[in-house]
Amino acid sequence: MNKTTATGEIRTDRDVDYSGLPIDKWAETVINIDGEELVMEVSFEDKVIVALMAGEDAVWKGTLEGLKMLLRGEIKAR
């Protein structure tokens, strides 16, 4: 059984905050910029899985640990 606990929070520069949103299995954030979507999806399976999408042709998906390694420059995106 998955013991991951999570809550969501969204903040904007217009002093609009939503916090404490309960998450059981997955969450997704979508920001539409001039008709193009920037999406972050997180799912809680055996490991935390993260997917980042900028439009339809720029996608990265992997574990949370893999994302940390990518951002630290320890691995390269495919």
Protein backbone atom coordinates (compact mmCIF):
# COMPACT_ATOMS: atom_id res chain seq x y z
CA MET A 1 0.00 0.00 0.00
CA ASN A 2 1.26 3.46 -0.90
CA LYS A 3 2.11 5.57 2.16
CA THR A 4 2.87 8.76 0.22
CA THR A 5 0.97 11.77 1.49
CA ALA A 6 0.60 14.93 -0.55
CA THR A 7 -1.26 18.20 -0.71
CA GLY A 8 -1.42 20.68 -3.55
CA GLU A 9 -0.84 24.40 -3.52
CA ILE A 10 -1.24 26.97 -6.28
CA ARG A 11 -0.10 30.60 -5.96
CA THR A 12 -0.21 33.49 -8.39
CA ASP A 13 1.09 37.05 -8.45
CA ARG A 14 -2.50 38.30 -8.17
CA ASP A 15 -2.66 37.26 -4.51
CA VAL A 16 -4.73 34.18 -5.31
CA ASP A 17 -3.71 31.13 -3.29
CA TYR A 18 -5.23 27.69 -3.06
CA SER A 19 -3.55 25.39 -0.57
CA GLY A 20 -4.20 22.17 1.25
CA LEU A 21 -5.80 20.50 -1.77
CA PRO A 22 -5.85 16.77 -0.92
CA ILE A 23 -4.13 14.38 -3.34
CA ASP A 24 -4.60 10.62 -3.20
CA LYS A 25 -3.13 9.21 -6.45
CA TRP A 26 -2.28 12.00 -8.88
CA ALA A 27 -2.28 15.75 -9.48
CA GLU A 28 -1.88 17.90 -12.55
CA THR A 29 -1.14 21.58 -13.05
CA VAL A 30 -1.85 23.17 -16.42
CA ILE A 31 -0.82 26.72 -17.35
CA ASN A 32 -1.93 27.97 -20.74
CA ILE A 33 0.47 30.52 -22.26
CA ASP A 34 -0.80 32.08 -25.49
CA GLY A 35 -2.54 28.83 -26.44
CA GLU A 36 0.34 26.53 -25.53
CA GLU A 37 0.09 24.36 -22.42
CA LEU A 38 2.78 23.90 -19.80
CA VAL A 39 1.81 20.84 -17.74
CA MET A 40 3.23 19.14 -14.66
CA GLU A 41 1.68 15.84 -13.65
CA VAL A 42 2.62 13.87 -10.54
CA SER A 43 1.38 10.36 -9.75
CA PHE A 44 1.95 8.26 -6.69
CA GLU A 45 2.57 4.66 -7.62
CA ASP A 46 5.34 2.48 -6.17
CA LYS A 47 7.54 5.53 -6.73
CA VAL A 48 6.62 9.16 -7.31
CA ILE A 49 6.38 9.68 -11.08
CA VAL A 50 6.72 13.18 -12.58
CA ALA A 51 5.81 14.23 -16.12
CA LEU A 52 6.65 17.66 -17.55
CA MET A 53 5.19 18.78 -20.87
CA ALA A 54 5.72 22.01 -22.80
CA GLY A 55 3.39 21.71 -25.77
CA GLU A 56 2.89 18.36 -27.47
CA ASP A 57 6.44 17.60 -28.57
CA ALA A 58 8.52 18.45 -25.48
CA VAL A 59 7.90 15.84 -22.79
CA TRP A 60 9.95 14.40 -19.94
CA LYS A 61 8.69 11.63 -17.65
CA GLY A 62 10.46 9.78 -14.88
CA THR A 63 10.80 9.31 -11.15
CA LEU A 64 11.12 12.18 -8.69
CA GLU A 65 14.72 11.08 -8.03
CA GLY A 66 15.36 11.11 -11.80
CA LEU A 67 14.02 14.68 -12.04
CA LYS A 68 16.33 15.78 -9.23
CA MET A 69 19.29 14.15 -11.02
CA LEU A 70 18.29 15.86 -14.30
CA LEU A 71 18.11 19.28 -12.65
CA ARG A 72 21.48 18.77 -10.95
CA GLY A 73 22.98 17.88 -14.37
CA GLU A 74 23.82 14.32 -13.30
CA ILE A 75 21.83 12.82 -16.20
CA LYS A 76 20.72 14.10 -19.59
CA ALA A 77 17.18 14.09 -20.95
CA ARG A 78 16.47 11.82 -23.90
